[in-house]
Structure formats: structure tokens, C-alpha cells
Amino acid sequence: MTYAQSLPGCPGADVFASATVRSWVEDLWMDARYSWIDPDSDRARIAEAFRRIRQHAERWPTQADFARNLPSPPTHTAIAHRPCTDEQAKANIQRLVAEMKSICQSTP
């Protein structure tokens, strides 16, 4: 979609598909500024960055434009720690030890 805007500085059609796209993909993949976590959320973040760029771009975007417009990765809610009694902890440990013994005994 950004290419269709024909903004000043836009690469020519003869190099866009081969050189421009490849260099952006390689550079963005290797750049330590980005946290690529999950293909689905990353795809949505990339699309959102280019959507934001298209809203105000007057020239062909740079990778710095992309970095400024890329949403942060989603945050994951931490699992709340639920303390257990000493009896529960002891029972859990005994259960895990029994499972490990079972696995070890069934492995040739």
C-alpha cells in the first residue's frame, strides 16, 4: 500500500521487489531494536507501523520512520504467585519425584 502512494523517494519498480523488500526484511530482522516474539502479533505490529506511516508520510519511509511507528510488543500478564502450605509443597515435590522415577524407569 505504501508503494502505491508513489511518494517522493520511492524506489523504482525494477528494484522494489528484488532489492528494496529484501534489504528491509534483512535489516529489520537483524536489528536489535526490535523484539520479534510471535509471528501473529509481529505481523499485526508491522502492518500497524506501515498504516501509521501511510497516514502522514510525505516521502518514502525510512527504517527510522518504521521504528518510530512500530507498536511495542504485547505484554504478557504474569501468573500470580499463590503460596501453598508446607503440606501442599511436600505433596507436590513427592508427586514430581514419583513422576520422574516413572519416566526414568520406563526409558530404556
Protein backbone atom coordinates (compact mmCIF):
# COMPACT_ATOMS: atom_id res chain seq x y z
CA MET A 1 0.00 0.00 0.00
CA THR A 2 2.81 2.42 0.80
CA TYR A 3 4.34 1.73 -2.61
CA ALA A 4 1.03 2.56 -4.30
CA GLN A 5 1.22 6.10 -2.91
CA SER A 6 4.20 6.85 -5.24
CA LEU A 7 5.78 9.13 -2.66
CA PRO A 8 8.94 11.09 -3.45
CA GLY A 9 11.97 8.87 -2.87
CA CYS A 10 10.01 5.73 -3.77
CA PRO A 11 12.26 3.09 -5.34
CA GLY A 12 11.62 2.21 -8.96
CA ALA A 13 9.53 -0.82 -9.84
CA ASP A 14 12.60 -2.54 -11.25
CA VAL A 15 14.34 -2.67 -7.85
CA PHE A 16 11.43 -2.62 -5.42
CA ALA A 17 10.53 -6.32 -5.43
CA SER A 18 14.09 -7.58 -5.51
CA ALA A 19 16.40 -5.20 -3.66
CA THR A 20 14.20 -2.91 -1.57
CA VAL A 21 11.98 -5.53 0.03
CA ARG A 22 14.91 -7.89 0.62
CA SER A 23 17.06 -5.21 2.28
CA TRP A 24 14.20 -4.08 4.55
CA VAL A 25 13.41 -7.63 5.63
CA GLU A 26 17.07 -8.48 6.28
CA ASP A 27 17.78 -5.23 8.12
CA LEU A 28 14.66 -5.30 10.26
CA TRP A 29 15.11 -8.96 11.15
CA MET A 30 18.70 -8.40 12.32
CA ASP A 31 18.15 -5.03 14.07
CA ALA A 32 18.45 -5.34 17.85
CA ARG A 33 15.92 -2.52 18.38
CA TYR A 34 13.07 -4.84 17.54
CA SER A 35 11.65 -7.60 19.69
CA TRP A 36 10.23 -10.17 17.32
CA ILE A 37 8.29 -12.52 19.57
CA ASP A 38 5.33 -14.15 17.92
CA PRO A 39 4.61 -14.35 14.16
CA ASP A 40 0.94 -13.40 14.57
CA SER A 41 1.47 -10.41 16.85
CA ASP A 42 4.59 -9.36 14.90
CA ARG A 43 2.61 -9.41 11.64
CA ALA A 44 -0.05 -7.17 13.21
CA ARG A 45 2.59 -4.81 14.64
CA ILE A 46 4.33 -4.48 11.24
CA ALA A 47 1.03 -3.80 9.48
CA GLU A 48 0.15 -1.18 12.09
CA ALA A 49 3.54 0.53 11.67
CA PHE A 50 3.01 0.88 7.92
CA ARG A 51 -0.60 2.00 8.45
CA ARG A 52 0.64 4.76 10.76
CA ILE A 53 3.35 5.75 8.28
CA ARG A 54 0.82 5.99 5.41
CA GLN A 55 -1.33 8.40 7.43
CA HIS A 56 1.31 11.13 7.46
CA ALA A 57 4.09 10.21 5.04
CA GLU A 58 5.17 12.83 2.55
CA ARG A 59 8.25 10.90 1.40
CA TRP A 60 9.13 7.23 1.02
CA PRO A 61 9.60 5.96 4.59
CA THR A 62 12.95 5.12 6.10
CA GLN A 63 13.66 2.39 8.60
CA ALA A 64 13.80 5.11 11.26
CA ASP A 65 10.20 6.02 10.34
CA PHE A 66 9.29 2.37 10.74
CA ALA A 67 11.00 2.18 14.16
CA ARG A 68 9.11 5.25 15.40
CA ASN A 69 5.77 3.83 14.27
CA LEU A 70 6.17 0.19 15.32
CA PRO A 71 3.91 -0.59 18.30
CA SER A 72 5.51 -2.17 21.33
CA PRO A 73 5.22 -5.93 21.63
CA PRO A 74 2.27 -7.13 23.67
CA THR A 75 2.88 -7.56 27.34
CA HIS A 76 2.06 -10.84 28.93
CA THR A 77 0.31 -10.93 32.25
CA ALA A 78 2.39 -12.62 34.89
CA ILE A 79 0.88 -15.56 36.64
CA ALA A 80 0.15 -14.61 40.20
CA HIS A 81 2.15 -16.46 42.80
CA ARG A 82 -0.08 -18.49 45.04
CA PRO A 83 1.73 -19.64 48.14
CA CYS A 84 0.92 -23.13 49.30
CA THR A 85 1.14 -24.75 52.69
CA ASP A 86 4.13 -26.85 53.67
CA GLU A 87 1.95 -29.93 53.32
CA GLN A 88 0.95 -28.98 49.77
CA ALA A 89 4.56 -28.23 48.85
CA LYS A 90 5.71 -31.58 50.24
CA ALA A 91 2.93 -33.40 48.35
CA ASN A 92 3.82 -31.60 45.12
CA ILE A 93 7.50 -32.49 45.47
CA GLN A 94 6.68 -36.12 46.20
CA ARG A 95 4.38 -36.24 43.15
CA LEU A 96 7.08 -34.76 40.90
CA VAL A 97 9.72 -37.17 42.23
CA ALA A 98 7.38 -40.10 41.58
CA GLU A 99 6.74 -38.87 38.02
CA MET A 100 10.48 -38.51 37.36
CA LYS A 101 11.15 -42.00 38.72
CA SER A 102 8.40 -43.40 36.50
CA ILE A 103 9.86 -41.69 33.44
CA CYS A 104 13.39 -42.89 34.26
CA GLN A 105 12.24 -46.46 34.78
CA SER A 106 10.27 -46.56 31.52
CA THR A 107 13.16 -45.16 29.47
CA PRO A 108 15.43 -47.90 28.05
